[in-house]
Protein backbone atom coordinates (compact mmCIF):
# COMPACT_ATOMS: atom_id res chain seq x y z
CA MET A 1 178.49 32.66 -50.78
CA ALA A 2 177.72 31.03 -47.43
CA GLN A 3 180.16 33.41 -45.73
CA ILE A 4 178.57 36.46 -47.37
CA GLY A 5 175.13 35.16 -46.45
CA ALA A 6 176.27 34.68 -42.86
CA VAL A 7 177.28 38.34 -42.71
CA LEU A 8 173.77 39.29 -43.88
CA GLY A 9 172.11 37.27 -41.12
CA ARG A 10 170.22 34.03 -40.45
CA GLU A 11 167.84 34.91 -43.29
CA PHE A 12 168.57 37.06 -46.34
CA SER A 13 167.16 37.83 -49.76
CA TYR A 14 168.71 37.21 -53.18
CA GLU A 15 168.04 40.85 -54.02
CA LEU A 16 170.30 41.98 -51.17
CA ILE A 17 173.12 39.48 -51.56
CA GLU A 18 173.41 40.10 -55.31
CA PRO A 19 174.96 43.62 -55.09
CA VAL A 20 177.09 42.59 -52.09
CA ALA A 21 178.53 39.40 -53.64
CA GLU A 22 179.80 41.12 -56.81
CA ARG A 23 179.63 37.83 -58.72
CA ASP A 24 178.43 36.80 -62.16
CA GLU A 25 174.67 36.02 -62.05
CA ALA A 26 175.11 32.44 -63.32
CA GLU A 27 177.82 31.75 -60.74
CA LEU A 28 175.70 33.25 -57.97
CA ARG A 29 172.65 31.16 -58.86
CA ALA A 30 174.71 27.99 -59.14
CA SER A 31 176.23 28.62 -55.71
CA PHE A 32 172.82 28.88 -54.07
CA ILE A 33 171.54 25.78 -55.84
CA ARG A 34 174.53 23.84 -54.44
CA LEU A 35 174.07 25.23 -50.91
CA THR A 36 170.35 24.38 -51.02
CA GLU A 37 170.93 20.88 -52.38
CA ALA A 38 173.54 20.31 -49.64
CA GLY A 39 170.87 21.12 -47.06
CA LEU A 40 172.76 24.09 -45.61
CA LEU A 41 170.16 26.63 -46.75
CA PHE A 42 166.39 26.55 -47.20
CA CYS A 43 165.08 28.43 -50.22
CA ARG A 44 161.78 30.32 -50.24
CA GLY A 45 160.33 31.64 -53.48
CA ILE A 46 161.70 31.63 -57.02
CA LEU A 47 164.80 33.44 -58.23
CA PRO A 48 165.39 36.37 -58.41
CA HIS A 49 162.69 37.01 -55.77
CA SER A 50 163.84 34.25 -53.46
CA SER A 51 165.07 34.38 -49.88
CA TYR A 52 167.34 31.99 -48.01
CA LEU A 53 167.43 30.71 -44.45
CA PHE A 54 170.36 28.93 -42.81
CA LYS A 55 169.20 25.46 -41.75
CA HIS A 56 170.59 26.07 -38.26
CA ALA A 57 172.12 29.03 -36.46
CA LEU A 58 175.26 26.94 -35.93
CA VAL A 59 175.72 26.73 -39.71
CA GLN A 60 175.57 30.51 -39.94
CA ASP A 61 177.97 30.87 -37.00
CA ALA A 62 180.43 28.43 -38.59
CA ALA A 63 180.39 30.29 -41.91
CA TYR A 64 180.78 33.66 -40.20
CA GLY A 65 183.55 32.38 -37.94
CA THR A 66 185.74 31.30 -40.87
CA LEU A 67 185.97 34.89 -42.13
CA LEU A 68 189.11 36.82 -41.34
CA ARG A 69 188.46 40.06 -39.43
CA VAL A 70 189.48 42.30 -42.34
CA ARG A 71 187.33 40.39 -44.81
CA ARG A 72 184.37 40.39 -42.38
CA GLN A 73 184.66 44.15 -41.90
CA GLU A 74 184.89 44.68 -45.68
CA LEU A 75 181.69 42.70 -46.21
CA HIS A 76 179.84 44.66 -43.54
CA VAL A 77 180.90 47.87 -45.32
CA ARG A 78 179.51 46.54 -48.63
CA VAL A 79 176.27 45.36 -47.01
CA ALA A 80 175.72 48.73 -45.33
CA ALA A 81 176.35 50.54 -48.62
CA ALA A 82 174.00 48.22 -50.53
CA ILE A 83 171.22 48.65 -47.97
CA GLU A 84 171.51 52.44 -48.03
CA ALA A 85 171.68 52.61 -51.83
CA ASN A 86 168.95 50.13 -52.76
CA PHE A 87 166.70 49.47 -49.76
CA ALA A 88 165.61 52.80 -48.27
CA ASP A 89 162.30 51.29 -47.15
CA LEU A 90 164.17 48.55 -45.26
CA VAL A 91 166.25 51.18 -43.46
CA GLU A 92 163.04 52.87 -42.31
CA ARG A 93 161.32 49.64 -41.26
CA GLN A 94 164.33 47.96 -39.67
CA PRO A 95 166.89 50.64 -38.75
CA GLU A 96 168.68 48.13 -36.51
CA LEU A 97 169.77 46.21 -39.63
CA LEU A 98 171.85 49.11 -40.95
CA ALA A 99 173.08 49.82 -37.41
CA HIS A 100 174.33 46.23 -37.12
CA HIS A 101 176.31 46.40 -40.35
CA LEU A 102 177.73 49.85 -39.61
CA THR A 103 178.96 48.43 -36.28
CA GLY A 104 180.48 45.43 -38.03
CA ALA A 105 182.09 47.78 -40.54
CA GLY A 106 183.77 49.70 -37.73
CA GLU A 107 181.90 52.91 -38.65
CA ASN A 108 181.11 53.57 -35.02
CA GLN A 109 180.19 57.25 -35.34
CA ARG A 110 177.41 56.45 -37.82
CA ALA A 111 176.49 53.27 -35.96
CA VAL A 112 175.76 55.21 -32.76
CA ALA A 113 173.28 57.50 -34.55
CA GLN A 114 171.64 54.50 -36.23
CA TRP A 115 171.33 52.52 -32.97
CA LEU A 116 169.65 55.56 -31.40
CA LYS A 117 167.23 55.66 -34.33
CA ALA A 118 166.61 51.90 -34.03
CA GLY A 119 165.89 52.21 -30.31
CA ARG A 120 163.45 55.04 -30.81
CA HIS A 121 161.73 53.07 -33.56
CA ALA A 122 161.31 50.14 -31.15
CA VAL A 123 159.92 52.48 -28.46
CA SER A 124 157.33 53.78 -30.95
CA ARG A 125 156.09 50.17 -31.24
CA SER A 126 156.22 49.72 -27.43
CA ALA A 127 158.93 47.08 -27.98
CA HIS A 128 160.85 48.25 -24.92
CA GLN A 129 163.08 45.21 -24.36
CA GLU A 130 164.23 45.47 -27.96
CA ALA A 131 164.77 49.22 -27.51
CA ILE A 132 166.98 48.67 -24.45
CA SER A 133 169.13 46.26 -26.48
CA HIS A 134 169.51 48.78 -29.31
CA PHE A 135 170.41 51.66 -27.00
CA GLY A 136 172.89 49.41 -25.21
CA LYS A 137 174.62 48.56 -28.49
CA GLY A 138 174.75 52.25 -29.26
CA LEU A 139 176.51 52.91 -25.94
CA THR A 140 178.99 50.10 -26.68
CA ALA A 141 179.80 51.59 -30.09
CA LEU A 142 180.08 55.03 -28.50
CA SER A 143 182.67 53.79 -25.98
CA LEU A 144 185.04 53.08 -28.90
CA LEU A 145 185.07 56.74 -29.98
CA PRO A 146 187.44 59.44 -28.66
CA GLU A 147 186.15 61.33 -25.61
CA THR A 148 184.85 64.66 -26.95
CA THR A 149 181.93 67.04 -26.26
CA GLU A 150 180.12 65.52 -29.24
CA ARG A 151 180.51 62.05 -27.74
CA HIS A 152 179.12 63.31 -24.41
CA GLN A 153 176.09 64.78 -26.23
CA GLN A 154 175.46 61.48 -27.98
CA GLU A 155 175.68 59.61 -24.69
CA ILE A 156 173.16 62.01 -23.13
CA MET A 157 170.72 61.27 -25.96
CA LEU A 158 171.15 57.51 -25.63
CA ARG A 159 170.81 57.54 -21.83
CA LEU A 160 167.69 59.71 -21.93
CA ALA A 161 166.13 57.58 -24.66
CA MET A 162 166.85 54.36 -22.75
CA GLY A 163 165.57 55.60 -19.37
CA PRO A 164 161.79 55.31 -19.95
CA SER A 165 162.10 51.80 -21.37
CA LEU A 166 164.09 50.73 -18.30
CA LEU A 167 161.43 52.19 -16.00
CA ILE A 168 158.59 50.58 -17.92
CA THR A 169 160.09 47.08 -18.09
CA ARG A 170 162.08 46.90 -14.84
CA GLY A 171 160.04 49.11 -12.56
CA PHE A 172 160.35 52.68 -11.31
CA SER A 173 162.93 51.68 -8.70
CA SER A 174 165.21 50.15 -11.35
CA ALA A 175 168.91 50.60 -10.55
CA SER A 176 169.64 50.64 -14.29
CA ALA A 177 167.31 53.60 -14.73
CA VAL A 178 168.96 55.45 -11.84
CA GLU A 179 172.34 54.88 -13.49
CA ALA A 180 171.07 56.06 -16.89
CA TYR A 181 169.53 59.29 -15.61
CA GLY A 182 172.28 59.99 -13.08
CA ARG A 183 174.93 59.72 -15.81
CA ALA A 184 172.85 61.96 -18.12
CA ILE A 185 172.60 64.66 -15.41
CA GLU A 186 176.36 64.44 -14.80
CA LEU A 187 177.10 64.89 -18.52
CA CYS A 188 174.54 67.70 -18.96
CA GLU A 189 176.16 69.67 -16.14
CA GLN A 190 179.63 68.89 -17.52
CA VAL A 191 178.91 70.21 -21.04
CA GLY A 192 176.36 72.87 -20.01
CA ASP A 193 173.42 71.21 -21.77
CA LYS A 194 170.41 72.94 -20.20
CA GLN A 195 167.95 71.58 -22.77
CA ASN A 196 168.50 67.94 -21.79
CA LEU A 197 169.01 68.61 -18.08
CA PHE A 198 165.25 68.83 -17.51
CA PRO A 199 164.33 65.36 -18.88
CA ALA A 200 167.33 63.88 -17.06
CA LEU A 201 166.13 65.40 -13.77
CA TRP A 202 162.60 64.21 -14.52
CA GLY A 203 163.77 60.64 -15.01
CA LEU A 204 165.73 60.63 -11.77
CA TRP A 205 162.74 62.22 -10.01
CA LEU A 206 160.53 59.38 -11.24
CA SER A 207 163.00 56.81 -9.98
CA ASN A 208 162.99 58.47 -6.54
CA VAL A 209 159.20 58.34 -6.47
CA GLY A 210 159.31 54.69 -7.53
CA SER A 211 161.81 53.96 -4.75
CA GLY A 212 159.70 55.68 -2.09
CA ARG A 213 162.13 58.59 -1.54
CA PHE A 214 159.55 61.37 -1.52
CA GLY A 215 161.67 63.98 0.22
CA ARG A 216 164.25 63.84 -2.58
CA ALA A 217 161.47 63.68 -5.15
CA LEU A 218 159.99 66.94 -3.80
CA GLN A 219 163.36 68.70 -4.12
CA MET A 220 163.73 67.58 -7.74
CA SER A 221 160.16 68.53 -8.56
CA GLY A 222 160.76 72.01 -7.16
CA ARG A 223 163.91 72.34 -9.25
CA MET A 224 162.00 71.37 -12.41
CA LEU A 225 159.18 73.80 -11.67
CA ALA A 226 161.78 76.57 -11.31
CA LEU A 227 163.56 75.54 -14.52
CA SER A 228 160.35 75.47 -16.55
CA GLU A 229 158.90 78.71 -15.17
CA GLY A 230 161.08 80.98 -17.27
CA GLU A 231 160.77 78.81 -20.40
CA GLY A 232 158.34 79.27 -23.25
CA ASP A 233 158.07 75.51 -23.64
CA VAL A 234 154.57 74.53 -22.50
CA GLY A 235 155.53 70.85 -22.67
CA LEU A 236 158.23 71.33 -20.02
CA ARG A 237 155.83 73.21 -17.74
CA LEU A 238 153.34 70.37 -18.17
CA GLN A 239 155.95 67.81 -17.15
CA ALA A 240 157.07 69.92 -14.18
CA HIS A 241 153.47 69.92 -12.94
CA HIS A 242 153.38 66.19 -13.75
CA SER A 243 156.18 65.63 -11.24
CA ALA A 244 154.46 67.88 -8.70
CA TRP A 245 151.01 66.28 -8.75
CA ALA A 246 152.47 62.83 -8.13
CA THR A 247 154.94 63.98 -5.45
CA HIS A 248 152.38 65.93 -3.46
CA PHE A 249 149.91 63.07 -3.69
CA TYR A 250 152.26 60.49 -2.20
CA ARG A 251 153.25 62.96 0.50
CA GLY A 252 149.59 63.21 1.55
CA GLU A 253 149.16 66.75 0.18
CA PHE A 254 146.04 66.04 -1.83
CA ALA A 255 144.76 69.57 -2.39
CA GLN A 256 148.17 70.61 -3.74
CA SER A 257 148.28 67.51 -5.90
CA ARG A 258 144.91 68.36 -7.40
CA GLN A 259 146.01 71.95 -8.05
CA HIS A 260 148.96 70.71 -10.10
CA SER A 261 146.91 68.08 -11.95
CA ASP A 262 144.34 70.78 -12.79
CA GLN A 263 147.17 72.94 -14.14
CA GLY A 264 148.40 69.99 -16.16
CA ARG A 265 144.96 69.38 -17.66
CA LEU A 266 144.80 73.04 -18.74
CA LEU A 267 148.24 72.91 -20.36
CA TYR A 268 147.81 69.50 -22.05
CA GLU A 269 147.07 69.30 -25.78
CA GLN A 270 146.92 65.74 -27.09
CA GLU A 271 148.42 66.40 -30.52
CA LYS A 272 151.29 68.44 -29.11
CA HIS A 273 152.09 66.60 -25.91
CA HIS A 274 151.38 62.88 -26.32
CA SER A 275 154.73 62.47 -28.10
CA LEU A 276 156.44 63.51 -24.85
CA ALA A 277 155.41 60.20 -23.27
CA SER A 278 158.48 58.42 -24.63
CA ALA A 279 160.79 60.81 -22.77
CA PHE A 280 158.75 61.31 -19.60
CA GLY A 281 157.95 58.09 -17.82
CA GLY A 282 156.65 56.21 -20.84
CA HIS A 283 153.05 57.31 -20.29
CA ASP A 284 150.78 60.16 -21.39
CA ALA A 285 150.71 63.19 -19.08
CA GLY A 286 147.10 64.08 -19.92
CA ALA A 287 145.83 60.67 -18.83
CA CYS A 288 148.10 60.73 -15.76
CA ALA A 289 146.72 64.12 -14.67
CA ARG A 290 143.20 62.68 -14.77
CA ASN A 291 144.31 59.53 -12.93
CA PHE A 292 145.76 61.52 -10.03
CA ASP A 293 142.85 63.95 -10.09
CA SER A 294 140.56 60.95 -9.65
CA TRP A 295 142.63 59.61 -6.76
CA SER A 296 142.80 62.99 -5.01
CA ASN A 297 139.08 63.56 -5.50
CA TRP A 298 138.23 60.36 -3.64
CA LEU A 299 140.53 61.18 -0.74
CA LEU A 300 139.27 64.77 -0.54
CA GLY A 301 135.71 63.46 -0.22
CA TYR A 302 134.32 63.41 -3.75
CA PRO A 303 133.65 59.73 -4.63
CA GLU A 304 131.54 60.49 -7.71
CA ARG A 305 133.98 63.00 -9.17
CA ALA A 306 136.65 60.35 -8.68
CA LEU A 307 134.74 58.00 -10.99
CA VAL A 308 134.17 60.72 -13.59
CA THR A 309 137.82 61.78 -13.83
CA GLY A 310 138.93 58.13 -13.75
CA ALA A 311 136.62 57.39 -16.69
CA GLN A 312 138.08 60.39 -18.55
CA ALA A 313 141.59 59.00 -18.02
CA LEU A 314 140.52 55.61 -19.39
CA ALA A 315 138.79 57.16 -22.41
CA LEU A 316 141.86 59.25 -23.26
CA ALA A 317 144.19 56.28 -22.82
CA GLU A 318 142.06 54.08 -25.09
CA SER A 319 141.82 56.81 -27.74
CA LEU A 320 145.63 57.03 -27.74
CA ALA A 321 145.94 53.21 -27.96
CA HIS A 322 149.19 53.58 -26.02
CA PRO A 323 149.84 50.31 -24.11
CA TYR A 324 151.51 51.66 -20.98
CA THR A 325 149.07 54.56 -20.63
CA MET A 326 146.14 52.14 -21.03
CA MET A 327 147.58 49.70 -18.50
CA GLU A 328 148.16 52.50 -16.00
CA ALA A 329 144.65 53.93 -16.46
CA PHE A 330 143.02 50.52 -15.93
CA THR A 331 145.19 49.95 -12.83
CA ARG A 332 144.31 53.26 -11.22
CA ALA A 333 140.63 52.91 -12.13
CA GLY A 334 140.71 49.56 -10.34
CA PHE A 335 142.41 51.21 -7.37
CA ILE A 336 139.62 53.81 -7.16
CA ARG A 337 137.04 51.01 -7.11
CA LEU A 338 138.95 49.40 -4.24
CA LEU A 339 138.90 52.69 -2.33
CA ARG A 340 135.15 52.92 -2.93
CA ARG A 341 134.91 49.31 -1.63
CA GLU A 342 133.60 47.91 -4.91
CA PRO A 343 135.76 44.80 -5.21
CA ARG A 344 134.04 43.09 -8.17
CA GLU A 345 134.42 46.16 -10.38
CA ALA A 346 138.01 46.53 -9.13
CA LEU A 347 138.93 42.96 -10.12
CA SER A 348 137.61 43.41 -13.66
CA LEU A 349 139.65 46.58 -14.20
CA ILE A 350 142.79 45.11 -12.63
CA ASP A 351 142.51 42.00 -14.84
CA SER A 352 142.37 44.25 -17.92
CA ALA A 353 145.54 46.01 -16.75
CA VAL A 354 147.29 42.68 -16.14
CA SER A 355 146.39 41.47 -19.66
CA ILE A 356 147.89 44.58 -21.25
CA ALA A 357 151.02 44.31 -19.09
CA ALA A 358 151.48 40.65 -20.05
CA GLU A 359 150.95 41.27 -23.76
CA TRP A 360 153.46 44.14 -23.91
CA ARG A 361 155.82 42.89 -21.18
CA LEU A 362 155.28 45.95 -19.00
CA GLN A 363 155.87 46.50 -15.29
CA MET A 364 152.63 47.57 -13.60
CA PRO A 365 152.72 50.78 -11.49
CA HIS A 366 151.14 48.91 -8.56
CA GLU A 367 151.65 45.26 -7.66
CA PRO A 368 148.60 43.40 -9.08
CA GLY A 369 148.74 40.71 -6.41
CA ILE A 370 148.20 43.35 -3.72
CA LEU A 371 145.22 44.85 -5.52
CA ARG A 372 143.67 41.51 -6.40
CA GLY A 373 144.22 40.24 -2.88
CA ALA A 374 142.60 43.33 -1.35
CA ALA A 375 139.55 42.82 -3.58
CA MET A 376 139.30 39.13 -2.65
CA VAL A 377 139.48 39.93 1.06
CA ASP A 378 136.63 42.42 0.62
CA LEU A 379 134.63 39.70 -1.18
CA GLY A 380 135.15 37.32 1.74
CA GLU A 381 137.74 35.14 -0.03
CA VAL A 382 140.20 35.95 2.75
CA ALA A 383 142.58 32.96 2.53
CA GLU A 384 143.14 33.27 -1.23
CA GLY A 385 143.32 37.05 -0.94
CA LEU A 386 145.97 36.74 1.76
CA ASN A 387 148.05 34.45 -0.49
CA GLN A 388 147.85 36.98 -3.33
CA ILE A 389 148.86 39.83 -1.02
CA ARG A 390 151.81 37.89 0.39
CA LEU A 391 153.10 37.18 -3.12
CA GLY A 392 152.70 40.84 -4.03
CA VAL A 393 154.50 42.13 -0.94
CA THR A 394 157.53 39.92 -1.69
CA ALA A 395 157.66 40.84 -5.40
CA PRO A 396 160.95 42.59 -6.32
CA GLY A 397 161.19 46.32 -7.05
CA ARG A 398 158.16 47.40 -5.00
CA ALA A 399 159.52 50.21 -2.83
CA ARG A 400 156.66 52.57 -3.70
CA ASP A 401 153.35 52.03 -1.87
CA THR A 402 155.17 50.09 0.87
CA ALA A 403 152.85 51.48 3.54
CA TYR A 404 149.72 50.62 1.56
CA GLN A 405 151.01 47.13 0.77
CA ARG A 406 151.81 46.32 4.40
CA ALA A 407 148.52 47.82 5.58
CA THR A 408 146.66 45.59 3.13
CA LEU A 409 148.56 42.56 4.41
CA ALA A 410 147.88 43.57 8.02
CA HIS A 411 144.14 43.88 7.34
CA ALA A 412 144.05 40.41 5.73
CA LEU A 413 145.91 38.90 8.72
CA TYR A 414 143.46 40.53 11.10
CA ARG A 415 140.58 39.06 9.10
CA ILE A 416 141.90 35.52 9.65
CA GLY A 417 142.35 36.16 13.38
CA ASP A 418 146.12 36.74 13.46
CA GLN A 419 146.11 39.85 15.64
CA ALA A 420 149.82 39.65 16.48
CA GLY A 421 150.76 39.39 12.82
CA ALA A 422 148.41 42.25 11.94
CA LEU A 423 149.92 44.52 14.59
CA ALA A 424 153.46 43.67 13.49
CA GLU A 425 152.68 44.48 9.86
CA ILE A 426 150.86 47.72 10.63
CA GLY A 427 153.83 48.75 12.76
CA GLU A 428 156.12 48.13 9.77
CA ALA A 429 153.76 50.11 7.55
CA ILE A 430 153.79 53.11 9.90
CA ALA A 431 157.60 52.99 10.13
CA ALA A 432 157.88 52.86 6.31
CA ALA A 433 155.55 55.85 5.93
CA VAL A 434 157.56 57.93 8.40
CA GLU A 435 160.94 56.95 6.94
CA GLY A 436 160.13 57.45 3.24
CA GLY A 437 157.60 60.26 3.53
CA GLU A 438 154.83 58.19 1.91
CA ARG A 439 151.88 59.76 3.76
CA TRP A 440 148.94 59.26 1.40
CA TRP A 441 147.63 56.23 3.35
CA GLU A 442 148.80 57.48 6.76
CA VAL A 443 145.30 58.09 8.14
CA GLU A 444 144.22 54.55 7.35
CA LEU A 445 147.37 53.13 8.95
CA TYR A 446 146.50 54.77 12.27
CA ARG A 447 142.81 53.80 12.00
CA LEU A 448 143.66 50.16 11.31
CA LYS A 449 146.01 50.05 14.27
CA GLY A 450 143.16 51.35 16.40
CA VAL A 451 140.88 48.62 15.05
CA PHE A 452 143.46 45.90 15.74
CA LEU A 453 143.98 47.12 19.34
CA TYR A 454 140.34 47.57 20.32
CA GLN A 455 139.76 44.21 22.02
CA GLN A 456 143.18 44.28 23.66
CA ASP A 457 143.37 47.90 24.86
CA PRO A 458 140.40 50.24 24.15
CA ASP A 459 142.22 53.29 25.52
CA GLU A 460 145.19 52.86 23.21
CA SER A 461 142.79 52.07 20.38
CA GLN A 462 141.07 55.44 20.92
CA ALA A 463 144.46 57.18 20.90
CA TRP A 464 145.16 55.80 17.42
CA PHE A 465 141.69 56.80 16.18
CA ASP A 466 142.29 60.31 17.52
CA ARG A 467 145.62 60.45 15.72
CA ALA A 468 143.96 59.28 12.49
CA LEU A 469 141.35 62.05 12.78
CA GLN A 470 144.02 64.70 13.40
CA VAL A 471 146.03 63.70 10.32
CA ALA A 472 142.89 63.40 8.19
CA HIS A 473 141.88 66.93 9.17
CA HIS A 474 145.38 68.22 8.34
CA GLN A 475 145.39 66.44 4.95
CA GLN A 476 141.75 67.41 4.19
CA ALA A 477 141.24 63.68 3.55
CA LYS A 478 137.48 63.63 4.17
CA SER A 479 136.92 60.06 2.94
CA LEU A 480 139.50 58.73 5.39
CA GLU A 481 138.25 61.08 8.10
CA LEU A 482 134.80 59.50 7.70
CA ARG A 483 136.25 56.01 8.18
CA ALA A 484 138.19 57.07 11.28
CA ALA A 485 135.18 58.90 12.74
CA THR A 486 132.96 55.87 12.11
CA SER A 487 135.45 53.58 13.87
CA LEU A 488 135.77 55.85 16.89
CA ALA A 489 132.01 56.44 17.07
CA ARG A 490 131.43 52.70 17.06
CA LEU A 491 133.92 52.29 19.94
CA TRP A 492 132.20 55.02 21.97
CA ALA A 493 128.79 53.53 21.27
CA GLU A 494 129.91 50.20 22.68
CA GLU A 495 131.16 52.04 25.77
CA GLY A 496 127.73 53.67 26.21
CA ARG A 497 128.84 57.10 24.98
CA ARG A 498 126.14 57.24 22.31
CA SER A 499 125.53 60.97 22.35
CA GLU A 500 129.24 61.78 22.02
CA ALA A 501 129.53 59.24 19.22
CA HIS A 502 126.67 60.91 17.31
CA GLN A 503 128.16 64.38 17.83
CA LEU A 504 131.50 63.13 16.47
CA LEU A 505 130.21 61.38 13.36
CA ALA A 506 127.27 63.55 12.28
CA PRO A 507 129.21 66.66 11.15
CA VAL A 508 131.70 64.57 9.18
CA TYR A 509 128.86 62.71 7.43
CA ASP A 510 126.90 65.93 6.82
CA TRP A 511 129.92 67.48 5.05
CA PHE A 512 129.48 65.10 2.09
CA THR A 513 127.45 66.13 -0.96
CA GLU A 514 127.87 62.97 -3.06
CA GLY A 515 128.70 59.27 -2.91
CA PHE A 516 125.84 58.31 -0.60
CA ASP A 517 125.54 54.89 -2.26
CA THR A 518 129.15 53.97 -1.37
CA ALA A 519 129.85 51.50 1.43
CA ASP A 520 131.60 53.98 3.75
CA LEU A 521 128.76 56.50 3.67
CA LYS A 522 126.12 53.79 4.01
CA GLU A 523 127.84 52.40 7.11
CA ALA A 524 128.19 55.86 8.62
CA LYS A 525 124.51 56.60 7.95
CA ALA A 526 123.39 53.28 9.48
CA LEU A 527 125.45 53.97 12.61
CA LEU A 528 123.99 57.48 12.92
CA VAL A 529 120.47 56.07 12.70
CA GLU A 530 121.37 53.54 15.40
CA LEU A 531 122.82 56.28 17.62
CA ALA A 532 119.89 58.70 17.19
């Protein structure tokens, strides 16, 4: 009886062991009384509604280890049959239980399908670490089957199902995710599976974005847009635009990013498309479209619209009660507050995101130490903010936002008087932006370098401000153009070129129609009054 119980697991019910044991009821009850009295099992409840727990895992292991392989396999067969025949609700609630016994029974074909079901069930509960384990066991069982087209199709399904959980728990630059999606693409092309090729490409695209390879990401996004164009599947078109709005944003193409996010918002229907989150990045596309729309709006010069669309993303995420989508919406809402130079509000939102990430064991889309540190520096807590930023910069798996991270570190170093360190870091940030194609913060990189150089070499400082203004104009990044124009106007004012400074800054300030209570616009207005 101990051996049979060990096959069932560390804990098992009398109701389940009874059909598996195939023993007389009196003998069965007597056996469990003896095992309980011997202290090997703990009994909970009263027969026949009792359950049993091995006193220690080592006791279970010892009992299981004494079984011969054939006998062990036979028992797993009987357990699987009993579960399927008598405990349909258990199969639905804990599909991994049946998968485990089918694996032990050597029924690998059925085990693979059941492990896939178990993994998907775990994903539906946002239990992503558990899901990865289930999918992995499915791949192990699959490796024992003959190599056929059917086996390749099953591997594609397992790899695609596992990918989002790997990205969510290990970060978008996860090597495991790259392997999963790369293998799925290879198999799709080998067997001619066009239906699954799109999600496989999407997963690899996301990994490229997470790794800061935006040139490759743009190529993949273009391929997905082309694939989805001729399809009647609105969900695929939505996800193609999903890839495009993120890619164009990071490349500094904000107007194009907003065009694609607007398209995504038009295509998105919550009831139809939220279920796609599990296959496409682990987050809801409708909320993501609003997040990026918010981000683009701020950069394009609409600070109030940025708050409105950010609030819409948060409201949608909370209505869905989807942990990763909520965490991402809080993070990006905090980011917007940082861009608007509202550090207290930013910290509150970032803390909410961190709490959700900790509770569900999720990897945040942006390093929280960087964001917290940036807020602290803005609040005047420069030393503690610098410590937070340094920890964030050295955190593993943070290839995306490298330029922003290093720029934030450079600014903090400058604030404590380390000009050499600030210049070194901003140089690294500029190099990273050029190498990876991450251009969304490019204007600010050049402006900051101009700020850092002003006392040392005003002429070179002006050259960097000029470069910042040129790129801002090209990107239509009016909020960053205002910062650069304010910095250059201040430099000219100190050189006695007050009229030129006013002529430079006034038209940029006058372009704005909203956000006049934000710090950047207030500073620009105060300088204009001083220059008048």
